[in-house]
């Protein structure tokens, strides 16, 4: 039973990560609407992501009606992606290394 629960939690985390990657900033209510997850379920997922440094609270949003809501921001540099492109340049084997953040922005490139 616990294995099934962990699989569901990991799938829910992937869903929230995809949404945060696309949106960059969101409230729990927005994530709930777009993911179909309850605000209660999102609370524990967002807390886990915050503890891992994947997201951070960026302030409060005051809607026209209702209580203020915390705005979460995706930390695109929490992890990096390394791409390596190899080709021939002027008869020499050449490699280009690029480090990109999780939003696809190139942070650094070296040949």
PDB file of N, CA and C in Angstrom:
ATOM      1  N   UNK A   1       0.826  -1.202   0.000  1.00  0.00           N
ATOM      2  CA  UNK A   1       0.000   0.000   0.000  1.00  0.00           C
ATOM      3  C   UNK A   1       0.864   1.257   0.000  1.00  0.00           C
ATOM      4  N   UNK A   2       1.945   1.265   0.824  1.00  0.00           N
ATOM      5  CA  UNK A   2       2.806   2.442   0.908  1.00  0.00           C
ATOM      6  C   UNK A   2       3.485   2.732  -0.424  1.00  0.00           C
ATOM      7  N   UNK A   3       3.876   1.691  -1.161  1.00  0.00           N
ATOM      8  CA  UNK A   3       4.519   1.867  -2.462  1.00  0.00           C
ATOM      9  C   UNK A   3       3.574   2.578  -3.419  1.00  0.00           C
ATOM     10  N   UNK A   4       2.316   2.201  -3.426  1.00  0.00           N
ATOM     11  CA  UNK A   4       1.330   2.852  -4.284  1.00  0.00           C
ATOM     12  C   UNK A   4       1.141   4.310  -3.911  1.00  0.00           C
ATOM     13  N   UNK A   5       1.136   4.597  -2.619  1.00  0.00           N
ATOM     14  CA  UNK A   5       1.004   5.974  -2.138  1.00  0.00           C
ATOM     15  C   UNK A   5       2.197   6.810  -2.575  1.00  0.00           C
ATOM     16  N   UNK A   6       3.404   6.236  -2.476  1.00  0.00           N
ATOM     17  CA  UNK A   6       4.619   6.953  -2.896  1.00  0.00           C
ATOM     18  C   UNK A   6       4.613   7.218  -4.395  1.00  0.00           C
ATOM     19  N   UNK A   7       4.117   6.260  -5.184  1.00  0.00           N
ATOM     20  CA  UNK A   7       4.045   6.456  -6.636  1.00  0.00           C
ATOM     21  C   UNK A   7       3.084   7.590  -6.987  1.00  0.00           C
ATOM     22  N   UNK A   8       1.967   7.633  -6.300  1.00  0.00           N
ATOM     23  CA  UNK A   8       0.990   8.702  -6.536  1.00  0.00           C
ATOM     24  C   UNK A   8       1.592  10.050  -6.146  1.00  0.00           C
ATOM     25  N   UNK A   9       2.266  10.095  -4.999  1.00  0.00           N
ATOM     26  CA  UNK A   9       2.904  11.344  -4.547  1.00  0.00           C
ATOM     27  C   UNK A   9       3.946  11.811  -5.563  1.00  0.00           C
ATOM     28  N   UNK A  10       4.775  10.900  -6.061  1.00  0.00           N
ATOM     29  CA  UNK A  10       5.790  11.270  -7.052  1.00  0.00           C
ATOM     30  C   UNK A  10       5.147  11.766  -8.344  1.00  0.00           C
ATOM     31  N   UNK A  11       4.056  11.139  -8.752  1.00  0.00           N
ATOM     32  CA  UNK A  11       3.349  11.594  -9.954  1.00  0.00           C
ATOM     33  C   UNK A  11       2.772  12.995  -9.729  1.00  0.00           C
ATOM     34  N   UNK A  12       2.218  13.229  -8.547  1.00  0.00           N
ATOM     35  CA  UNK A  12       1.679  14.549  -8.219  1.00  0.00           C
ATOM     36  C   UNK A  12       2.790  15.601  -8.181  1.00  0.00           C
ATOM     37  N   UNK A  13       3.959  15.244  -7.652  1.00  0.00           N
ATOM     38  CA  UNK A  13       5.101  16.160  -7.652  1.00  0.00           C
ATOM     39  C   UNK A  13       5.513  16.511  -9.080  1.00  0.00           C
ATOM     40  N   UNK A  14       5.547  15.518  -9.966  1.00  0.00           N
ATOM     41  CA  UNK A  14       5.888  15.773 -11.371  1.00  0.00           C
ATOM     42  C   UNK A  14       4.892  16.728 -12.009  1.00  0.00           C
ATOM     43  N   UNK A  15       3.619  16.541 -11.686  1.00  0.00           N
ATOM     44  CA  UNK A  15       2.581  17.426 -12.221  1.00  0.00           C
ATOM     45  C   UNK A  15       2.806  18.857 -11.763  1.00  0.00           C
ATOM     46  N   UNK A  16       3.064  19.048 -10.478  1.00  0.00           N
ATOM     47  CA  UNK A  16       3.286  20.388  -9.937  1.00  0.00           C
ATOM     48  C   UNK A  16       4.565  20.989 -10.516  1.00  0.00           C
ATOM     49  N   UNK A  17       5.613  20.188 -10.667  1.00  0.00           N
ATOM     50  CA  UNK A  17       6.865  20.693 -11.260  1.00  0.00           C
ATOM     51  C   UNK A  17       6.636  21.176 -12.692  1.00  0.00           C
ATOM     52  N   UNK A  18       5.897  20.405 -13.472  1.00  0.00           N
ATOM     53  CA  UNK A  18       5.602  20.811 -14.859  1.00  0.00           C
ATOM     54  C   UNK A  18       4.837  22.131 -14.894  1.00  0.00           C
ATOM     55  N   UNK A  19       3.826  22.249 -14.021  1.00  0.00           N
ATOM     56  CA  UNK A  19       3.044  23.480 -13.968  1.00  0.00           C
ATOM     57  C   UNK A  19       3.907  24.665 -13.542  1.00  0.00           C
ATOM     58  N   UNK A  20       4.726  24.482 -12.529  1.00  0.00           N
ATOM     59  CA  UNK A  20       5.580  25.573 -12.061  1.00  0.00           C
ATOM     60  C   UNK A  20       6.624  25.935 -13.111  1.00  0.00           C
ATOM     61  N   UNK A  21       7.124  24.950 -13.834  1.00  0.00           N
ATOM     62  CA  UNK A  21       8.079  25.213 -14.903  1.00  0.00           C
ATOM     63  C   UNK A  21       7.440  26.073 -15.996  1.00  0.00           C
ATOM     64  N   UNK A  22       6.198  25.797 -16.302  1.00  0.00           N
ATOM     65  CA  UNK A  22       5.483  26.539 -17.344  1.00  0.00           C
ATOM     66  C   UNK A  22       5.062  27.924 -16.853  1.00  0.00           C
ATOM     67  N   UNK A  23       4.571  28.011 -15.626  1.00  0.00           N
ATOM     68  CA  UNK A  23       4.026  29.270 -15.102  1.00  0.00           C
ATOM     69  C   UNK A  23       5.079  30.160 -14.448  1.00  0.00           C
ATOM     70  N   UNK A  24       6.071  29.572 -13.821  1.00  0.00           N
ATOM     71  CA  UNK A  24       7.127  30.215 -13.034  1.00  0.00           C
ATOM     72  C   UNK A  24       6.594  30.709 -11.684  1.00  0.00           C
ATOM     73  N   UNK A  25       5.435  31.393 -11.656  1.00  0.00           N
ATOM     74  CA  UNK A  25       4.825  31.865 -10.396  1.00  0.00           C
ATOM     75  C   UNK A  25       3.375  31.383 -10.352  1.00  0.00           C
ATOM     76  N   UNK A  26       2.936  30.989  -9.145  1.00  0.00           N
ATOM     77  CA  UNK A  26       1.548  30.539  -8.996  1.00  0.00           C
ATOM     78  C   UNK A  26       1.154  30.483  -7.530  1.00  0.00           C
ATOM     79  N   UNK A  27      -0.141  30.571  -7.291  1.00  0.00           N
ATOM     80  CA  UNK A  27      -0.688  30.369  -5.950  1.00  0.00           C
ATOM     81  C   UNK A  27      -1.184  28.932  -5.852  1.00  0.00           C
ATOM     82  N   UNK A  28      -1.474  28.493  -4.647  1.00  0.00           N
ATOM     83  CA  UNK A  28      -2.035  27.147  -4.460  1.00  0.00           C
ATOM     84  C   UNK A  28      -3.350  26.995  -5.219  1.00  0.00           C
ATOM     85  N   UNK A  29      -4.192  28.034  -5.157  1.00  0.00           N
ATOM     86  CA  UNK A  29      -5.493  27.962  -5.837  1.00  0.00           C
ATOM     87  C   UNK A  29      -5.306  27.792  -7.343  1.00  0.00           C
ATOM     88  N   UNK A  30      -4.357  28.514  -7.932  1.00  0.00           N
ATOM     89  CA  UNK A  30      -4.103  28.382  -9.374  1.00  0.00           C
ATOM     90  C   UNK A  30      -3.596  26.982  -9.708  1.00  0.00           C
ATOM     91  N   UNK A  31      -2.671  26.483  -8.891  1.00  0.00           N
ATOM     92  CA  UNK A  31      -2.145  25.132  -9.119  1.00  0.00           C
ATOM     93  C   UNK A  31      -3.237  24.087  -8.955  1.00  0.00           C
ATOM     94  N   UNK A  32      -4.116  24.290  -7.985  1.00  0.00           N
ATOM     95  CA  UNK A  32      -5.216  23.359  -7.753  1.00  0.00           C
ATOM     96  C   UNK A  32      -6.142  23.314  -8.970  1.00  0.00           C
ATOM     97  N   UNK A  33      -6.490  24.479  -9.475  1.00  0.00           N
ATOM     98  CA  UNK A  33      -7.366  24.561 -10.650  1.00  0.00           C
ATOM     99  C   UNK A  33      -6.753  23.861 -11.854  1.00  0.00           C
ATOM    100  N   UNK A  34      -5.467  24.090 -12.083  1.00  0.00           N
ATOM    101  CA  UNK A  34      -4.816  23.556 -13.283  1.00  0.00           C
ATOM    102  C   UNK A  34      -4.414  22.089 -13.164  1.00  0.00           C
ATOM    103  N   UNK A  35      -4.155  21.629 -11.949  1.00  0.00           N
ATOM    104  CA  UNK A  35      -3.695  20.250 -11.776  1.00  0.00           C
ATOM    105  C   UNK A  35      -4.812  19.281 -11.414  1.00  0.00           C
ATOM    106  N   UNK A  36      -5.893  19.821 -10.831  1.00  0.00           N
ATOM    107  CA  UNK A  36      -6.955  18.955 -10.332  1.00  0.00           C
ATOM    108  C   UNK A  36      -6.673  18.422  -8.938  1.00  0.00           C
ATOM    109  N   UNK A  37      -5.534  18.802  -8.357  1.00  0.00           N
ATOM    110  CA  UNK A  37      -5.197  18.371  -6.999  1.00  0.00           C
ATOM    111  C   UNK A  37      -5.859  19.292  -5.988  1.00  0.00           C
ATOM    112  N   UNK A  38      -6.174  18.753  -4.827  1.00  0.00           N
ATOM    113  CA  UNK A  38      -6.780  19.574  -3.781  1.00  0.00           C
ATOM    114  C   UNK A  38      -5.741  20.518  -3.192  1.00  0.00           C
ATOM    115  N   UNK A  39      -6.203  21.612  -2.613  1.00  0.00           N
ATOM    116  CA  UNK A  39      -5.305  22.568  -1.958  1.00  0.00           C
ATOM    117  C   UNK A  39      -4.578  21.883  -0.803  1.00  0.00           C
ATOM    118  N   UNK A  40      -5.252  20.982  -0.114  1.00  0.00           N
ATOM    119  CA  UNK A  40      -4.642  20.245   1.003  1.00  0.00           C
ATOM    120  C   UNK A  40      -3.488  19.370   0.489  1.00  0.00           C
ATOM    121  N   UNK A  41      -3.706  18.659  -0.613  1.00  0.00           N
ATOM    122  CA  UNK A  41      -2.644  17.822  -1.194  1.00  0.00           C
ATOM    123  C   UNK A  41      -1.487  18.698  -1.659  1.00  0.00           C
ATOM    124  N   UNK A  42      -1.803  19.824  -2.255  1.00  0.00           N
ATOM    125  CA  UNK A  42      -0.767  20.732  -2.731  1.00  0.00           C
ATOM    126  C   UNK A  42       0.077  21.286  -1.592  1.00  0.00           C
ATOM    127  N   UNK A  43      -0.536  21.498  -0.443  1.00  0.00           N
ATOM    128  CA  UNK A  43       0.199  22.050   0.699  1.00  0.00           C
ATOM    129  C   UNK A  43       1.417  21.206   1.029  1.00  0.00           C
ATOM    130  N   UNK A  44       1.241  19.895   1.130  1.00  0.00           N
ATOM    131  CA  UNK A  44       2.381  19.036   1.482  1.00  0.00           C
ATOM    132  C   UNK A  44       3.378  18.945   0.324  1.00  0.00           C
ATOM    133  N   UNK A  45       2.898  18.955  -0.911  1.00  0.00           N
ATOM    134  CA  UNK A  45       3.802  18.902  -2.061  1.00  0.00           C
ATOM    135  C   UNK A  45       4.645  20.175  -2.148  1.00  0.00           C
ATOM    136  N   UNK A  46       4.006  21.326  -1.977  1.00  0.00           N
ATOM    137  CA  UNK A  46       4.723  22.598  -2.044  1.00  0.00           C
ATOM    138  C   UNK A  46       5.720  22.724  -0.891  1.00  0.00           C
ATOM    139  N   UNK A  47       5.342  22.228   0.275  1.00  0.00           N
ATOM    140  CA  UNK A  47       6.254  22.257   1.419  1.00  0.00           C
ATOM    141  C   UNK A  47       7.504  21.424   1.122  1.00  0.00           C
ATOM    142  N   UNK A  48       7.304  20.238   0.542  1.00  0.00           N
ATOM    143  CA  UNK A  48       8.442  19.375   0.198  1.00  0.00           C
ATOM    144  C   UNK A  48       9.324  20.044  -0.861  1.00  0.00           C
ATOM    145  N   UNK A  49       8.708  20.673  -1.853  1.00  0.00           N
ATOM    146  CA  UNK A  49       9.466  21.360  -2.896  1.00  0.00           C
ATOM    147  C   UNK A  49      10.222  22.564  -2.330  1.00  0.00           C
ATOM    148  N   UNK A  50       9.600  23.244  -1.386  1.00  0.00           N
ATOM    149  CA  UNK A  50      10.245  24.395  -0.746  1.00  0.00           C
ATOM    150  C   UNK A  50      11.463  23.941   0.065  1.00  0.00           C
ATOM    151  N   UNK A  51      11.334  22.832   0.794  1.00  0.00           N
ATOM    152  CA  UNK A  51      12.441  22.291   1.587  1.00  0.00           C
ATOM    153  C   UNK A  51      13.613  21.853   0.709  1.00  0.00           C
ATOM    154  N   UNK A  52      13.311  21.372  -0.500  1.00  0.00           N
ATOM    155  CA  UNK A  52      14.357  20.947  -1.448  1.00  0.00           C
ATOM    156  C   UNK A  52      14.949  22.115  -2.232  1.00  0.00           C
ATOM    157  N   UNK A  53      14.390  23.309  -2.082  1.00  0.00           N
ATOM    158  CA  UNK A  53      14.893  24.473  -2.805  1.00  0.00           C
ATOM    159  C   UNK A  53      14.370  24.592  -4.221  1.00  0.00           C
ATOM    160  N   UNK A  54      13.342  23.818  -4.575  1.00  0.00           N
ATOM    161  CA  UNK A  54      12.789  23.867  -5.929  1.00  0.00           C
ATOM    162  C   UNK A  54      11.887  25.082  -6.149  1.00  0.00           C
ATOM    163  N   UNK A  55      11.259  25.542  -5.081  1.00  0.00           N
ATOM    164  CA  UNK A  55      10.397  26.716  -5.141  1.00  0.00           C
ATOM    165  C   UNK A  55      10.656  27.570  -3.904  1.00  0.00           C
ATOM    166  N   UNK A  56      10.171  28.808  -3.941  1.00  0.00           N
ATOM    167  CA  UNK A  56      10.225  29.659  -2.753  1.00  0.00           C
ATOM    168  C   UNK A  56       9.000  30.553  -2.752  1.00  0.00           C
ATOM    169  N   UNK A  57       8.611  30.999  -1.569  1.00  0.00           N
ATOM    170  CA  UNK A  57       7.514  31.957  -1.462  1.00  0.00           C
ATOM    171  C   UNK A  57       8.033  33.313  -1.895  1.00  0.00           C
ATOM    172  N   UNK A  58       7.256  33.970  -2.743  1.00  0.00           N
ATOM    173  CA  UNK A  58       7.721  35.235  -3.300  1.00  0.00           C
ATOM    174  C   UNK A  58       6.868  36.409  -2.832  1.00  0.00           C
ATOM    175  N   UNK A  59       5.991  36.191  -1.946  1.00  0.00           N
ATOM    176  CA  UNK A  59       5.144  37.278  -1.476  1.00  0.00           C
ATOM    177  C   UNK A  59       3.700  36.835  -1.406  1.00  0.00           C
ATOM    178  N   UNK A  60       2.837  37.827  -1.325  1.00  0.00           N
ATOM    179  CA  UNK A  60       1.403  37.561  -1.194  1.00  0.00           C
ATOM    180  C   UNK A  60       0.645  38.228  -2.331  1.00  0.00           C
ATOM    181  N   UNK A  61      -0.435  37.579  -2.748  1.00  0.00           N
ATOM    182  CA  UNK A  61      -1.334  38.117  -3.757  1.00  0.00           C
ATOM    183  C   UNK A  61      -2.661  38.410  -3.080  1.00  0.00           C
ATOM    184  N   UNK A  62      -3.180  39.608  -3.263  1.00  0.00           N
ATOM    185  CA  UNK A  62      -4.462  39.990  -2.674  1.00  0.00           C
ATOM    186  C   UNK A  62      -5.526  39.996  -3.773  1.00  0.00           C
ATOM    187  N   UNK A  63      -6.380  38.971  -3.801  1.00  0.00           N
ATOM    188  CA  UNK A  63      -7.448  38.950  -4.805  1.00  0.00           C
ATOM    189  C   UNK A  63      -8.508  40.002  -4.472  1.00  0.00           C
ATOM    190  N   UNK A  64      -9.392  40.266  -5.425  1.00  0.00           N
ATOM    191  CA  UNK A  64     -10.481  41.228  -5.200  1.00  0.00           C
ATOM    192  C   UNK A  64     -11.366  40.795  -4.038  1.00  0.00           C
ATOM    193  N   UNK A  65     -11.597  39.489  -3.924  1.00  0.00           N
ATOM    194  CA  UNK A  65     -12.418  38.945  -2.841  1.00  0.00           C
ATOM    195  C   UNK A  65     -11.646  37.818  -2.165  1.00  0.00           C
ATOM    196  N   UNK A  66     -11.778  37.712  -0.870  1.00  0.00           N
ATOM    197  CA  UNK A  66     -11.149  36.612  -0.144  1.00  0.00           C
ATOM    198  C   UNK A  66      -9.841  37.005   0.510  1.00  0.00           C
ATOM    199  N   UNK A  67      -9.193  35.977   1.034  1.00  0.00           N
ATOM    200  CA  UNK A  67      -7.956  36.170   1.794  1.00  0.00           C
ATOM    201  C   UNK A  67      -6.750  36.259   0.862  1.00  0.00           C
ATOM    202  N   UNK A  68      -5.679  36.885   1.345  1.00  0.00           N
ATOM    203  CA  UNK A  68      -4.442  36.910   0.558  1.00  0.00           C
ATOM    204  C   UNK A  68      -3.899  35.491   0.373  1.00  0.00           C
ATOM    205  N   UNK A  69      -3.202  35.280  -0.718  1.00  0.00           N
ATOM    206  CA  UNK A  69      -2.648  33.964  -1.025  1.00  0.00           C
ATOM    207  C   UNK A  69      -1.151  34.084  -1.265  1.00  0.00           C
ATOM    208  N   UNK A  70      -0.413  33.094  -0.760  1.00  0.00           N
ATOM    209  CA  UNK A  70       1.036  33.062  -0.991  1.00  0.00           C
ATOM    210  C   UNK A  70       1.303  32.775  -2.460  1.00  0.00           C
ATOM    211  N   UNK A  71       2.273  33.483  -3.003  1.00  0.00           N
ATOM    212  CA  UNK A  71       2.712  33.250  -4.377  1.00  0.00           C
ATOM    213  C   UNK A  71       4.020  32.472  -4.307  1.00  0.00           C
ATOM    214  N   UNK A  72       4.077  31.365  -5.033  1.00  0.00           N
ATOM    215  CA  UNK A  72       5.272  30.529  -5.085  1.00  0.00           C
ATOM    216  C   UNK A  72       5.994  30.770  -6.403  1.00  0.00           C
ATOM    217  N   UNK A  73       7.310  30.803  -6.338  1.00  0.00           N
ATOM    218  CA  UNK A  73       8.135  31.004  -7.536  1.00  0.00           C
ATOM    219  C   UNK A  73       9.009  29.779  -7.749  1.00  0.00           C
ATOM    220  N   UNK A  74       9.055  29.338  -8.983  1.00  0.00           N
ATOM    221  CA  UNK A  74       9.884  28.213  -9.389  1.00  0.00           C
ATOM    222  C   UNK A  74      11.345  28.653  -9.389  1.00  0.00           C
ATOM    223  N   UNK A  75      12.193  27.905  -8.742  1.00  0.00           N
ATOM    224  CA  UNK A  75      13.623  28.199  -8.710  1.00  0.00           C
ATOM    225  C   UNK A  75      14.295  27.481  -9.875  1.00  0.00           C
ATOM    226  N   UNK A  76      14.373  28.163 -11.003  1.00  0.00           N
ATOM    227  CA  UNK A  76      14.874  27.530 -12.217  1.00  0.00           C
ATOM    228  C   UNK A  76      16.336  27.100 -12.127  1.00  0.00           C
ATOM    229  N   UNK A  77      17.081  27.643 -11.176  1.00  0.00           N
ATOM    230  CA  UNK A  77      18.479  27.251 -11.029  1.00  0.00           C
ATOM    231  C   UNK A  77      18.684  26.249  -9.890  1.00  0.00           C
ATOM    232  N   UNK A  78      17.602  25.657  -9.397  1.00  0.00           N
ATOM    233  CA  UNK A  78      17.722  24.633  -8.362  1.00  0.00           C
ATOM    234  C   UNK A  78      18.499  23.428  -8.890  1.00  0.00           C
ATOM    235  N   UNK A  79      18.384  23.202 -10.174  1.00  0.00           N
ATOM    236  CA  UNK A  79      19.145  22.153 -10.852  1.00  0.00           C
ATOM    237  C   UNK A  79      19.564  22.705 -12.204  1.00  0.00           C
ATOM    238  N   UNK A  80      20.598  22.162 -12.753  1.00  0.00           N
ATOM    239  CA  UNK A  80      21.076  22.591 -14.061  1.00  0.00           C
ATOM    240  C   UNK A  80      21.108  21.392 -14.999  1.00  0.00           C
ATOM    241  N   UNK A  81      21.071  21.703 -16.278  1.00  0.00           N
ATOM    242  CA  UNK A  81      21.155  20.690 -17.320  1.00  0.00           C
ATOM    243  C   UNK A  81      22.430  20.969 -18.107  1.00  0.00           C
ATOM    244  N   UNK A  82      23.222  19.945 -18.344  1.00  0.00           N
ATOM    245  CA  UNK A  82      24.442  20.098 -19.125  1.00  0.00           C
ATOM    246  C   UNK A  82      24.224  19.462 -20.485  1.00  0.00           C
ATOM    247  N   UNK A  83      24.477  20.235 -21.546  1.00  0.00           N
ATOM    248  CA  UNK A  83      24.403  19.656 -22.889  1.00  0.00           C
ATOM    249  C   UNK A  83      25.787  19.736 -23.518  1.00  0.00           C
ATOM    250  N   UNK A  84      26.113  18.718 -24.265  1.00  0.00           N
ATOM    251  CA  UNK A  84      27.406  18.637 -24.927  1.00  0.00           C
ATOM    252  C   UNK A  84      27.157  18.417 -26.409  1.00  0.00           C
ATOM    253  N   UNK A  85      27.713  19.293 -27.214  1.00  0.00           N
ATOM    254  CA  UNK A  85      27.581  19.189 -28.669  1.00  0.00           C
ATOM    255  C   UNK A  85      28.975  18.990 -29.237  1.00  0.00           C
ATOM    256  N   UNK A  86      29.151  17.906 -29.979  1.00  0.00           N
ATOM    257  CA  UNK A  86      30.459  17.617 -30.560  1.00  0.00           C
ATOM    258  C   UNK A  86      30.362  17.712 -32.074  1.00  0.00           C
ATOM    259  N   UNK A  87      31.368  18.356 -32.667  1.00  0.00           N
ATOM    260  CA  UNK A  87      31.396  18.507 -34.113  1.00  0.00           C
ATOM    261  C   UNK A  87      32.838  18.754 -34.557  1.00  0.00           C
ATOM    262  N   UNK A  88      33.030  18.787 -35.855  1.00  0.00           N
ATOM    263  CA  UNK A  88      34.356  19.060 -36.398  1.00  0.00           C
ATOM    264  C   UNK A  88      34.428  20.525 -36.795  1.00  0.00           C
ATOM    265  N   UNK A  89      35.480  21.199 -36.339  1.00  0.00           N
ATOM    266  CA  UNK A  89      35.669  22.617 -36.654  1.00  0.00           C
ATOM    267  C   UNK A  89      37.099  22.791 -37.159  1.00  0.00           C
ATOM    268  N   UNK A  90      37.236  23.192 -38.396  1.00  0.00           N
ATOM    269  CA  UNK A  90      38.538  23.392 -39.035  1.00  0.00           C
ATOM    270  C   UNK A  90      39.428  22.162 -38.888  1.00  0.00           C
ATOM    271  N   UNK A  91      38.818  21.004 -39.117  1.00  0.00           N
ATOM    272  CA  UNK A  91      39.555  19.746 -39.073  1.00  0.00           C
ATOM    273  C   UNK A  91      39.841  19.209 -37.681  1.00  0.00           C
ATOM    274  N   UNK A  92      39.373  19.874 -36.638  1.00  0.00           N
ATOM    275  CA  UNK A  92      39.594  19.454 -35.254  1.00  0.00           C
ATOM    276  C   UNK A  92      38.281  19.018 -34.624  1.00  0.00           C
ATOM    277  N   UNK A  93      38.336  17.963 -33.816  1.00  0.00           N
ATOM    278  CA  UNK A  93      37.162  17.583 -33.036  1.00  0.00           C
ATOM    279  C   UNK A  93      36.941  18.659 -31.974  1.00  0.00           C
ATOM    280  N   UNK A  94      35.717  19.147 -31.882  1.00  0.00           N
ATOM    281  CA  UNK A  94      35.388  20.235 -30.975  1.00  0.00           C
ATOM    282  C   UNK A  94      34.175  19.859 -30.144  1.00  0.00           C
ATOM    283  N   UNK A  95      34.181  20.259 -28.891  1.00  0.00           N
ATOM    284  CA  UNK A  95      33.026  20.027 -28.012  1.00  0.00           C
ATOM    285  C   UNK A  95      32.592  21.374 -27.436  1.00  0.00           C
ATOM    286  N   UNK A  96      31.296  21.596 -27.414  1.00  0.00           N
ATOM    287  CA  UNK A  96      30.730  22.792 -26.796  1.00  0.00           C
ATOM    288  C   UNK A  96      29.887  22.321 -25.619  1.00  0.00           C
ATOM    289  N   UNK A  97      30.186  22.855 -24.445  1.00  0.00           N
ATOM    290  CA  UNK A  97      29.473  22.514 -23.224  1.00  0.00           C
ATOM    291  C   UNK A  97      28.582  23.694 -22.860  1.00  0.00           C
ATOM    292  N   UNK A  98      27.306  23.440 -22.660  1.00  0.00           N
ATOM    293  CA  UNK A  98      26.374  24.496 -22.260  1.00  0.00           C
ATOM    294  C   UNK A  98      25.635  24.068 -21.001  1.00  0.00           C
ATOM    295  N   UNK A  99      25.597  24.964 -20.024  1.00  0.00           N
ATOM    296  CA  UNK A  99      24.815  24.733 -18.817  1.00  0.00           C
ATOM    297  C   UNK A  99      23.543  25.565 -18.943  1.00  0.00           C
ATOM    298  N   UNK A 100      22.406  24.910 -18.746  1.00  0.00           N
ATOM    299  CA  UNK A 100      21.115  25.574 -18.864  1.00  0.00           C
ATOM    300  C   UNK A 100      20.331  25.404 -17.569  1.00  0.00           C
ATOM    301  N   UNK A 101      19.515  26.416 -17.240  1.00  0.00           N
ATOM    302  CA  UNK A 101      18.633  26.280 -16.078  1.00  0.00           C
ATOM    303  C   UNK A 101      17.398  25.493 -16.493  1.00  0.00           C
ATOM    304  N   UNK A 102      16.496  25.270 -15.559  1.00  0.00           N
ATOM    305  CA  UNK A 102      15.322  24.435 -15.825  1.00  0.00           C
ATOM    306  C   UNK A 102      14.267  25.113 -16.694  1.00  0.00           C
ATOM    307  N   UNK A 103      14.464  26.406 -17.012  1.00  0.00           N
ATOM    308  CA  UNK A 103      13.571  27.085 -17.946  1.00  0.00           C
ATOM    309  C   UNK A 103      14.156  27.106 -19.356  1.00  0.00           C
ATOM    310  N   UNK A 104      15.354  26.499 -19.505  1.00  0.00           N
ATOM    311  CA  UNK A 104      15.982  26.416 -20.812  1.00  0.00           C
ATOM    312  C   UNK A 104      16.899  27.583 -21.136  1.00  0.00           C
ATOM    313  N   UNK A 105      17.131  28.476 -20.191  1.00  0.00           N
ATOM    314  CA  UNK A 105      18.038  29.596 -20.412  1.00  0.00           C
ATOM    315  C   UNK A 105      19.480  29.119 -20.304  1.00  0.00           C
ATOM    316  N   UNK A 106      20.324  29.511 -21.271  1.00  0.00           N
ATOM    317  CA  UNK A 106      21.726  29.143 -21.226  1.00  0.00           C
ATOM    318  C   UNK A 106      22.414  30.016 -20.192  1.00  0.00           C
ATOM    319  N   UNK A 107      23.031  29.377 -19.210  1.00  0.00           N
ATOM    320  CA  UNK A 107      23.720  30.081 -18.136  1.00  0.00           C
ATOM    321  C   UNK A 107      25.175  30.311 -18.514  1.00  0.00           C
ATOM    322  N   UNK A 108      25.795  29.308 -19.139  1.00  0.00           N
ATOM    323  CA  UNK A 108      27.188  29.430 -19.546  1.00  0.00           C
ATOM    324  C   UNK A 108      27.470  28.445 -20.663  1.00  0.00           C
ATOM    325  N   UNK A 109      28.331  28.857 -21.587  1.00  0.00           N
ATOM    326  CA  UNK A 109      28.770  27.999 -22.691  1.00  0.00           C
ATOM    327  C   UNK A 109      30.284  28.089 -22.809  1.00  0.00           C
ATOM    328  N   UNK A 110      30.899  26.926 -23.003  1.00  0.00           N
ATOM    329  CA  UNK A 110      32.356  26.879 -23.216  1.00  0.00           C
ATOM    330  C   UNK A 110      32.669  25.912 -24.357  1.00  0.00           C
ATOM    331  N   UNK A 111      33.663  26.296 -25.146  1.00  0.00           N
ATOM    332  CA  UNK A 111      34.082  25.440 -26.253  1.00  0.00           C
ATOM    333  C   UNK A 111      35.364  24.732 -25.865  1.00  0.00           C
TER     334      UNK A 111
END
